[in-house]
Every structure is written in structure tokens, then in C-alpha cells.
Amino acid sequence: MAPTDLQAKKAHAASKRRSNYAASLRLEGFAASLEDAEKPLPSKEDVLKAYMKPTR
């Protein structure tokens, strides 16, 4: 098996995973597109800053 075959299989699996995720979100009632899966996620620190209450 050539390395390009393995890379093609990995790319195909990643593509299907993204499309299945978007389809799953649509079935659950969320407005989602394939572009949503491409957006980078925020870092853990950014999420914590956004949701932590400021201390007095």
C-alpha cells in the first residue's frame, strides 16, 4: 500500500467525519454548515475568561 493511498484514505475519512458532524447538528435542530467545522476552536484560557465571574 503506497503512502499516498493511506493519506487519501485519511483525508476521505476526515471529510466524511466533518460532513457527518454537520448532518448530525442539523438533525438536532442546530443551524450548521461544513464551514463551521473548519473554524478553529478557542483556547481553554479564552473560554475560561469568557465564562468566569470576576472576583471582587
C-alpha atoms as a PDB file:
ATOM      1  CA  MET A   1       0.000   0.000   0.000  1.00  0.00           C
ATOM      2  CA  ALA A   2       1.524   3.298  -1.052  1.00  0.00           C
ATOM      3  CA  PRO A   3       1.708   6.187   1.424  1.00  0.00           C
ATOM      4  CA  THR A   4      -0.434   8.331  -0.868  1.00  0.00           C
ATOM      5  CA  ASP A   5      -3.215   5.751  -0.616  1.00  0.00           C
ATOM      6  CA  LEU A   6      -3.109   5.997   3.160  1.00  0.00           C
ATOM      7  CA  GLN A   7      -3.124   9.791   3.001  1.00  0.00           C
ATOM      8  CA  ALA A   8      -6.072   9.728   0.622  1.00  0.00           C
ATOM      9  CA  LYS A   9      -7.965   7.400   2.954  1.00  0.00           C
ATOM     10  CA  LYS A  10      -7.229   9.651   5.940  1.00  0.00           C
ATOM     11  CA  ALA A  11      -8.384  12.734   4.025  1.00  0.00           C
ATOM     12  CA  HIS A  12     -11.557  10.953   2.921  1.00  0.00           C
ATOM     13  CA  ALA A  13     -12.310   9.821   6.486  1.00  0.00           C
ATOM     14  CA  ALA A  14     -11.759  13.356   7.813  1.00  0.00           C
ATOM     15  CA  SER A  15     -14.055  14.782   5.145  1.00  0.00           C
ATOM     16  CA  LYS A  16     -16.794  12.281   5.953  1.00  0.00           C
ATOM     17  CA  ARG A  17     -16.384  12.923   9.682  1.00  0.00           C
ATOM     18  CA  ARG A  18     -16.931  16.654   9.137  1.00  0.00           C
ATOM     19  CA  SER A  19     -19.955  16.153   6.902  1.00  0.00           C
ATOM     20  CA  ASN A  20     -21.479  13.625   9.325  1.00  0.00           C
ATOM     21  CA  TYR A  21     -20.962  16.057  12.196  1.00  0.00           C
ATOM     22  CA  ALA A  22     -22.715  18.841  10.290  1.00  0.00           C
ATOM     23  CA  ALA A  23     -25.570  16.491   9.376  1.00  0.00           C
ATOM     24  CA  SER A  24     -25.902  15.410  12.997  1.00  0.00           C
ATOM     25  CA  LEU A  25     -26.140  19.029  14.137  1.00  0.00           C
ATOM     26  CA  ARG A  26     -28.810  19.749  11.512  1.00  0.00           C
ATOM     27  CA  LEU A  27     -30.823  16.710  12.661  1.00  0.00           C
ATOM     28  CA  GLU A  28     -30.697  18.017  16.227  1.00  0.00           C
ATOM     29  CA  GLY A  29     -32.075  21.375  15.092  1.00  0.00           C
ATOM     30  CA  PHE A  30     -28.896  23.455  15.010  1.00  0.00           C
ATOM     31  CA  ALA A  31     -28.078  25.652  12.047  1.00  0.00           C
ATOM     32  CA  ALA A  32     -24.743  24.283  10.894  1.00  0.00           C
ATOM     33  CA  SER A  33     -22.653  24.181   7.755  1.00  0.00           C
ATOM     34  CA  LEU A  34     -19.451  22.471   6.709  1.00  0.00           C
ATOM     35  CA  GLU A  35     -17.595  25.764   7.189  1.00  0.00           C
ATOM     36  CA  ASP A  36     -18.432  25.651  10.910  1.00  0.00           C
ATOM     37  CA  ALA A  37     -16.319  22.533  11.296  1.00  0.00           C
ATOM     38  CA  GLU A  38     -13.337  24.336   9.754  1.00  0.00           C
ATOM     39  CA  LYS A  39     -13.292  27.210  12.250  1.00  0.00           C
ATOM     40  CA  PRO A  40     -10.531  26.981  14.853  1.00  0.00           C
ATOM     41  CA  LEU A  41     -11.680  26.407  18.400  1.00  0.00           C
ATOM     42  CA  PRO A  42     -10.825  28.950  21.106  1.00  0.00           C
ATOM     43  CA  SER A  43      -8.165  28.071  23.628  1.00  0.00           C
ATOM     44  CA  LYS A  44      -9.076  26.791  27.065  1.00  0.00           C
ATOM     45  CA  GLU A  45      -7.890  30.040  28.647  1.00  0.00           C
ATOM     46  CA  ASP A  46     -10.119  32.144  26.370  1.00  0.00           C
ATOM     47  CA  VAL A  47     -13.158  30.039  27.243  1.00  0.00           C
ATOM     48  CA  LEU A  48     -12.436  30.252  30.964  1.00  0.00           C
ATOM     49  CA  LYS A  49     -12.042  34.045  30.769  1.00  0.00           C
ATOM     50  CA  ALA A  50     -15.354  34.353  28.938  1.00  0.00           C
ATOM     51  CA  TYR A  51     -17.344  32.336  31.481  1.00  0.00           C
ATOM     52  CA  MET A  52     -15.681  33.050  34.831  1.00  0.00           C
ATOM     53  CA  LYS A  53     -17.277  35.628  37.059  1.00  0.00           C
ATOM     54  CA  PRO A  54     -14.976  38.442  38.097  1.00  0.00           C
ATOM     55  CA  THR A  55     -13.918  38.250  41.736  1.00  0.00           C
ATOM     56  CA  ARG A  56     -14.366  41.207  43.980  1.00  0.00           C
END
